Amino acid sequence: MHVIARVLAAAYVALAVFAAFVFVQASVNLVNVTEVTLRMEDSAAVTAVEIVWSENVSEAAEVRVFVNVTNPGRVAIEVIALEFVLHMNDTSDPRPWYNEEKRDATEIGSGGFSERRGQGTVVPPGETRSLEGAVSVVPNTVRMTRLAKPDADGRYHPVVWDPWIAYTFVDFDVTSTRMYFAPFHEQEGVLPSG
């Protein structure tokens, strides 16, 4: 066999081995990305709401919403956005907190954050990270009137409606995925701090 033929044969074998490796790695990456996407549904939840406010309607308030995100897969994800709509349940209204008409009358506003890829919160495989989004409420607004609705014990009952996160994958150039998760109602109520 001629020397050039041997070199070409070896090159073709090396190319085939490399192509097989790339194919296998791409397949594994696709499986890993799909696994996270399929299992993320129950991996985010609102854990607490904090109201930073003196309860003086002439002063601004900030409502902080805390969300835990757990990565159920084998590849790192990056959370680049959190969004929700904040309501303050009026306990003097007998309708349930999730009633659509009641929600229309108790909406405070949207909150959350949005980051560029590479600046979000990285969640390694199997780990949980806590995220925080906030809603500012300024004095002399409808939002402040709706916020100032404590129950008979002076507790507030925030509702976090329509929460979602957007995440992408740290090691893969994959378009971000939006995932909605369960709304939250603070049944026991919270006392403001500040």
C-alpha atoms as a PDB file:
ATOM      1  CA  MET A   1       0.000   0.000   0.000  1.00  0.00           C
ATOM      2  CA  HIS A   2       1.238   3.414  -0.869  1.00  0.00           C
ATOM      3  CA  VAL A   3       2.307   5.790   1.951  1.00  0.00           C
ATOM      4  CA  ILE A   4      -0.189   8.484   0.976  1.00  0.00           C
ATOM      5  CA  ALA A   5      -3.006   5.929   0.993  1.00  0.00           C
ATOM      6  CA  ARG A   6      -2.002   4.843   4.504  1.00  0.00           C
ATOM      7  CA  VAL A   7      -1.944   8.444   5.733  1.00  0.00           C
ATOM      8  CA  LEU A   8      -5.334   9.108   4.163  1.00  0.00           C
ATOM      9  CA  ALA A   9      -6.776   5.909   5.680  1.00  0.00           C
ATOM     10  CA  ALA A  10      -5.461   6.871   9.111  1.00  0.00           C
ATOM     11  CA  ALA A  11      -6.850  10.380   8.687  1.00  0.00           C
ATOM     12  CA  TYR A  12     -10.279   9.009   7.744  1.00  0.00           C
ATOM     13  CA  VAL A  13     -10.252   6.686  10.755  1.00  0.00           C
ATOM     14  CA  ALA A  14      -9.282   9.577  13.058  1.00  0.00           C
ATOM     15  CA  LEU A  15     -11.983  11.747  11.510  1.00  0.00           C
ATOM     16  CA  ALA A  16     -14.578   8.986  11.982  1.00  0.00           C
ATOM     17  CA  VAL A  17     -13.562   8.515  15.629  1.00  0.00           C
ATOM     18  CA  PHE A  18     -13.757  12.270  16.229  1.00  0.00           C
ATOM     19  CA  ALA A  19     -17.174  12.489  14.519  1.00  0.00           C
ATOM     20  CA  ALA A  20     -18.438   9.598  16.634  1.00  0.00           C
ATOM     21  CA  PHE A  21     -17.216  11.331  19.793  1.00  0.00           C
ATOM     22  CA  VAL A  22     -18.921  14.596  18.793  1.00  0.00           C
ATOM     23  CA  PHE A  23     -22.146  12.723  17.989  1.00  0.00           C
ATOM     24  CA  VAL A  24     -22.132  10.884  21.324  1.00  0.00           C
ATOM     25  CA  GLN A  25     -21.358  14.085  23.262  1.00  0.00           C
ATOM     26  CA  ALA A  26     -24.082  16.019  21.422  1.00  0.00           C
ATOM     27  CA  SER A  27     -26.549  13.228  22.182  1.00  0.00           C
ATOM     28  CA  VAL A  28     -25.602  13.215  25.879  1.00  0.00           C
ATOM     29  CA  ASN A  29     -25.934  17.020  26.027  1.00  0.00           C
ATOM     30  CA  LEU A  30     -29.357  16.860  24.381  1.00  0.00           C
ATOM     31  CA  VAL A  31     -30.488  14.218  26.882  1.00  0.00           C
ATOM     32  CA  ASN A  32     -29.196  16.311  29.809  1.00  0.00           C
ATOM     33  CA  VAL A  33     -30.899  19.502  28.582  1.00  0.00           C
ATOM     34  CA  THR A  34     -34.153  17.630  27.934  1.00  0.00           C
ATOM     35  CA  GLU A  35     -34.013  16.035  31.391  1.00  0.00           C
ATOM     36  CA  VAL A  36     -33.797  19.432  33.092  1.00  0.00           C
ATOM     37  CA  THR A  37     -36.574  20.859  30.932  1.00  0.00           C
ATOM     38  CA  LEU A  38     -38.921  17.959  31.683  1.00  0.00           C
ATOM     39  CA  ARG A  39     -38.207  17.882  35.422  1.00  0.00           C
ATOM     40  CA  MET A  40     -38.188  21.644  36.163  1.00  0.00           C
ATOM     41  CA  GLU A  41     -41.970  21.888  36.596  1.00  0.00           C
ATOM     42  CA  ASP A  42     -41.933  21.432  40.378  1.00  0.00           C
ATOM     43  CA  SER A  43     -38.473  22.893  40.960  1.00  0.00           C
ATOM     44  CA  ALA A  44     -39.382  26.474  41.845  1.00  0.00           C
ATOM     45  CA  ALA A  45     -41.549  27.841  44.636  1.00  0.00           C
ATOM     46  CA  VAL A  46     -42.205  31.050  46.525  1.00  0.00           C
ATOM     47  CA  THR A  47     -40.918  30.472  50.055  1.00  0.00           C
ATOM     48  CA  ALA A  48     -41.609  33.779  51.800  1.00  0.00           C
ATOM     49  CA  VAL A  49     -42.718  37.369  51.419  1.00  0.00           C
ATOM     50  CA  GLU A  50     -41.308  40.231  53.480  1.00  0.00           C
ATOM     51  CA  ILE A  51     -42.827  43.695  53.752  1.00  0.00           C
ATOM     52  CA  VAL A  52     -40.332  46.449  54.540  1.00  0.00           C
ATOM     53  CA  TRP A  53     -42.522  49.335  55.616  1.00  0.00           C
ATOM     54  CA  SER A  54     -43.332  51.456  58.657  1.00  0.00           C
ATOM     55  CA  GLU A  55     -47.097  51.107  57.958  1.00  0.00           C
ATOM     56  CA  ASN A  56     -47.267  54.844  57.440  1.00  0.00           C
ATOM     57  CA  VAL A  57     -49.086  55.334  54.119  1.00  0.00           C
ATOM     58  CA  SER A  58     -47.098  58.546  53.589  1.00  0.00           C
ATOM     59  CA  GLU A  59     -43.877  56.515  53.348  1.00  0.00           C
ATOM     60  CA  ALA A  60     -42.724  54.186  50.582  1.00  0.00           C
ATOM     61  CA  ALA A  61     -42.846  50.424  51.077  1.00  0.00           C
ATOM     62  CA  GLU A  62     -40.967  47.532  49.532  1.00  0.00           C
ATOM     63  CA  VAL A  63     -42.351  44.024  49.276  1.00  0.00           C
ATOM     64  CA  ARG A  64     -39.704  41.343  48.792  1.00  0.00           C
ATOM     65  CA  VAL A  65     -40.588  37.944  47.366  1.00  0.00           C
ATOM     66  CA  PHE A  66     -38.230  35.006  47.918  1.00  0.00           C
ATOM     67  CA  VAL A  67     -38.186  32.068  45.518  1.00  0.00           C
ATOM     68  CA  ASN A  68     -36.210  28.838  45.759  1.00  0.00           C
ATOM     69  CA  VAL A  69     -35.082  27.197  42.514  1.00  0.00           C
ATOM     70  CA  THR A  70     -33.711  23.650  42.541  1.00  0.00           C
ATOM     71  CA  ASN A  71     -31.853  22.193  39.563  1.00  0.00           C
ATOM     72  CA  PRO A  72     -33.219  18.664  39.002  1.00  0.00           C
ATOM     73  CA  GLY A  73     -30.766  17.740  36.256  1.00  0.00           C
ATOM     74  CA  ARG A  74     -27.126  16.911  35.621  1.00  0.00           C
ATOM     75  CA  VAL A  75     -26.074  20.177  33.968  1.00  0.00           C
ATOM     76  CA  ALA A  76     -25.868  23.672  35.431  1.00  0.00           C
ATOM     77  CA  ILE A  77     -28.605  26.191  34.708  1.00  0.00           C
ATOM     78  CA  GLU A  78     -28.589  29.961  34.992  1.00  0.00           C
ATOM     79  CA  VAL A  79     -31.731  31.784  36.125  1.00  0.00           C
ATOM     80  CA  ILE A  80     -31.850  35.051  34.207  1.00  0.00           C
ATOM     81  CA  ALA A  81     -35.331  36.319  35.081  1.00  0.00           C
ATOM     82  CA  LEU A  82     -38.004  36.159  37.749  1.00  0.00           C
ATOM     83  CA  GLU A  83     -41.393  37.796  37.365  1.00  0.00           C
ATOM     84  CA  PHE A  84     -44.654  37.813  39.299  1.00  0.00           C
ATOM     85  CA  VAL A  85     -47.699  39.951  40.054  1.00  0.00           C
ATOM     86  CA  LEU A  86     -48.140  40.965  43.688  1.00  0.00           C
ATOM     87  CA  HIS A  87     -51.564  41.298  45.304  1.00  0.00           C
ATOM     88  CA  MET A  88     -52.526  42.050  48.894  1.00  0.00           C
ATOM     89  CA  ASN A  89     -55.427  39.885  49.978  1.00  0.00           C
ATOM     90  CA  ASP A  90     -58.164  41.932  51.660  1.00  0.00           C
ATOM     91  CA  THR A  91     -59.376  39.559  54.386  1.00  0.00           C
ATOM     92  CA  SER A  92     -62.528  41.643  54.922  1.00  0.00           C
ATOM     93  CA  ASP A  93     -63.670  40.463  51.469  1.00  0.00           C
ATOM     94  CA  PRO A  94     -65.089  36.920  51.930  1.00  0.00           C
ATOM     95  CA  ARG A  95     -64.198  35.772  48.412  1.00  0.00           C
ATOM     96  CA  PRO A  96     -61.196  33.403  48.198  1.00  0.00           C
ATOM     97  CA  TRP A  97     -57.795  34.959  47.505  1.00  0.00           C
ATOM     98  CA  TYR A  98     -57.605  33.315  44.063  1.00  0.00           C
ATOM     99  CA  ASN A  99     -60.953  34.717  42.878  1.00  0.00           C
ATOM    100  CA  GLU A 100     -60.305  36.594  39.628  1.00  0.00           C
ATOM    101  CA  GLU A 101     -62.541  39.563  40.414  1.00  0.00           C
ATOM    102  CA  LYS A 102     -61.018  39.888  43.863  1.00  0.00           C
ATOM    103  CA  ARG A 103     -57.506  39.753  42.363  1.00  0.00           C
ATOM    104  CA  ASP A 104     -58.414  42.622  40.030  1.00  0.00           C
ATOM    105  CA  ALA A 105     -59.212  44.743  43.101  1.00  0.00           C
ATOM    106  CA  THR A 106     -56.094  43.740  45.087  1.00  0.00           C
ATOM    107  CA  GLU A 107     -53.288  44.024  42.530  1.00  0.00           C
ATOM    108  CA  ILE A 108     -50.262  45.972  43.743  1.00  0.00           C
ATOM    109  CA  GLY A 109     -48.035  45.514  40.692  1.00  0.00           C
ATOM    110  CA  SER A 110     -45.397  43.434  38.926  1.00  0.00           C
ATOM    111  CA  GLY A 111     -42.042  42.589  40.416  1.00  0.00           C
ATOM    112  CA  GLY A 112     -38.950  40.533  39.797  1.00  0.00           C
ATOM    113  CA  PHE A 113     -35.704  40.981  37.931  1.00  0.00           C
ATOM    114  CA  SER A 114     -34.126  40.379  34.547  1.00  0.00           C
ATOM    115  CA  GLU A 115     -30.429  39.767  33.884  1.00  0.00           C
ATOM    116  CA  ARG A 116     -28.318  39.172  30.825  1.00  0.00           C
ATOM    117  CA  ARG A 117     -26.969  35.729  30.177  1.00  0.00           C
ATOM    118  CA  GLY A 118     -23.780  35.344  32.194  1.00  0.00           C
ATOM    119  CA  GLN A 119     -25.030  37.696  34.918  1.00  0.00           C
ATOM    120  CA  GLY A 120     -27.855  35.552  36.338  1.00  0.00           C
ATOM    121  CA  THR A 121     -27.864  33.101  39.220  1.00  0.00           C
ATOM    122  CA  VAL A 122     -26.135  29.805  38.434  1.00  0.00           C
ATOM    123  CA  VAL A 123     -27.759  26.712  39.945  1.00  0.00           C
ATOM    124  CA  PRO A 124     -25.424  23.676  39.812  1.00  0.00           C
ATOM    125  CA  PRO A 125     -26.934  20.199  39.349  1.00  0.00           C
ATOM    126  CA  GLY A 126     -28.896  19.030  42.383  1.00  0.00           C
ATOM    127  CA  GLU A 127     -28.519  22.325  44.253  1.00  0.00           C
ATOM    128  CA  THR A 128     -30.980  25.032  45.303  1.00  0.00           C
ATOM    129  CA  ARG A 129     -30.566  28.797  45.116  1.00  0.00           C
ATOM    130  CA  SER A 130     -32.736  31.493  46.652  1.00  0.00           C
ATOM    131  CA  LEU A 131     -33.792  34.395  44.441  1.00  0.00           C
ATOM    132  CA  GLU A 132     -35.345  37.692  45.430  1.00  0.00           C
ATOM    133  CA  GLY A 133     -37.655  39.994  43.536  1.00  0.00           C
ATOM    134  CA  ALA A 134     -39.213  43.176  44.839  1.00  0.00           C
ATOM    135  CA  VAL A 135     -42.106  45.533  44.287  1.00  0.00           C
ATOM    136  CA  SER A 136     -41.834  49.162  45.382  1.00  0.00           C
ATOM    137  CA  VAL A 137     -44.973  50.947  46.526  1.00  0.00           C
ATOM    138  CA  VAL A 138     -44.924  54.734  46.667  1.00  0.00           C
ATOM    139  CA  PRO A 139     -47.202  56.918  48.811  1.00  0.00           C
ATOM    140  CA  ASN A 140     -50.438  58.488  47.572  1.00  0.00           C
ATOM    141  CA  THR A 141     -51.184  55.832  44.970  1.00  0.00           C
ATOM    142  CA  VAL A 142     -53.837  53.177  44.438  1.00  0.00           C
ATOM    143  CA  ARG A 143     -51.086  50.648  45.027  1.00  0.00           C
ATOM    144  CA  MET A 144     -50.480  52.034  48.523  1.00  0.00           C
ATOM    145  CA  THR A 145     -54.216  51.979  49.278  1.00  0.00           C
ATOM    146  CA  ARG A 146     -54.334  48.313  48.259  1.00  0.00           C
ATOM    147  CA  LEU A 147     -51.208  47.476  50.255  1.00  0.00           C
ATOM    148  CA  ALA A 148     -52.546  49.015  53.486  1.00  0.00           C
ATOM    149  CA  LYS A 149     -55.069  46.226  54.177  1.00  0.00           C
ATOM    150  CA  PRO A 150     -54.023  44.458  57.393  1.00  0.00           C
ATOM    151  CA  ASP A 151     -56.296  41.937  59.086  1.00  0.00           C
ATOM    152  CA  ALA A 152     -57.680  42.434  62.629  1.00  0.00           C
ATOM    153  CA  ASP A 153     -54.322  41.271  64.077  1.00  0.00           C
ATOM    154  CA  GLY A 154     -52.306  43.760  62.006  1.00  0.00           C
ATOM    155  CA  ARG A 155     -51.001  41.066  59.646  1.00  0.00           C
ATOM    156  CA  TYR A 156     -50.814  41.351  55.866  1.00  0.00           C
ATOM    157  CA  HIS A 157     -51.661  38.556  53.443  1.00  0.00           C
ATOM    158  CA  PRO A 158     -49.646  38.882  50.222  1.00  0.00           C
ATOM    159  CA  VAL A 159     -50.527  36.877  47.134  1.00  0.00           C
ATOM    160  CA  VAL A 160     -47.871  36.157  44.514  1.00  0.00           C
ATOM    161  CA  TRP A 161     -49.715  35.440  41.291  1.00  0.00           C
ATOM    162  CA  ASP A 162     -48.503  34.112  37.951  1.00  0.00           C
ATOM    163  CA  PRO A 163     -44.854  33.642  39.011  1.00  0.00           C
ATOM    164  CA  TRP A 164     -42.320  32.445  36.457  1.00  0.00           C
ATOM    165  CA  ILE A 165     -38.598  32.178  35.939  1.00  0.00           C
ATOM    166  CA  ALA A 166     -36.542  32.152  32.765  1.00  0.00           C
ATOM    167  CA  TYR A 167     -33.447  29.993  32.692  1.00  0.00           C
ATOM    168  CA  THR A 168     -30.803  28.926  30.261  1.00  0.00           C
ATOM    169  CA  PHE A 169     -27.942  26.442  30.348  1.00  0.00           C
ATOM    170  CA  VAL A 170     -24.473  27.479  31.449  1.00  0.00           C
ATOM    171  CA  ASP A 171     -22.504  25.284  29.038  1.00  0.00           C
ATOM    172  CA  PHE A 172     -24.851  25.271  26.055  1.00  0.00           C
ATOM    173  CA  ASP A 173     -26.057  27.959  23.715  1.00  0.00           C
ATOM    174  CA  VAL A 174     -29.730  27.161  24.227  1.00  0.00           C
ATOM    175  CA  THR A 175     -32.521  29.733  24.080  1.00  0.00           C
ATOM    176  CA  SER A 176     -33.894  30.560  27.515  1.00  0.00           C
ATOM    177  CA  THR A 177     -36.914  28.654  28.743  1.00  0.00           C
ATOM    178  CA  ARG A 178     -39.766  30.202  30.699  1.00  0.00           C
ATOM    179  CA  MET A 179     -41.271  28.113  33.497  1.00  0.00           C
ATOM    180  CA  TYR A 180     -44.390  29.039  35.446  1.00  0.00           C
ATOM    181  CA  PHE A 181     -44.879  27.737  38.973  1.00  0.00           C
ATOM    182  CA  ALA A 182     -47.573  27.703  41.655  1.00  0.00           C
ATOM    183  CA  PRO A 183     -49.022  30.941  43.020  1.00  0.00           C
ATOM    184  CA  PHE A 184     -48.463  31.725  46.683  1.00  0.00           C
ATOM    185  CA  HIS A 185     -50.757  33.044  49.396  1.00  0.00           C
ATOM    186  CA  GLU A 186     -49.509  33.924  52.865  1.00  0.00           C
ATOM    187  CA  GLN A 187     -52.377  32.414  54.841  1.00  0.00           C
ATOM    188  CA  GLU A 188     -51.023  33.223  58.312  1.00  0.00           C
ATOM    189  CA  GLY A 189     -50.003  36.713  57.350  1.00  0.00           C
ATOM    190  CA  VAL A 190     -46.803  38.684  57.856  1.00  0.00           C
ATOM    191  CA  LEU A 191     -45.921  41.644  60.004  1.00  0.00           C
ATOM    192  CA  PRO A 192     -44.034  44.483  58.315  1.00  0.00           C
ATOM    193  CA  SER A 193     -40.476  45.257  59.328  1.00  0.00           C
ATOM    194  CA  GLY A 194     -38.962  48.693  59.118  1.00  0.00           C
END
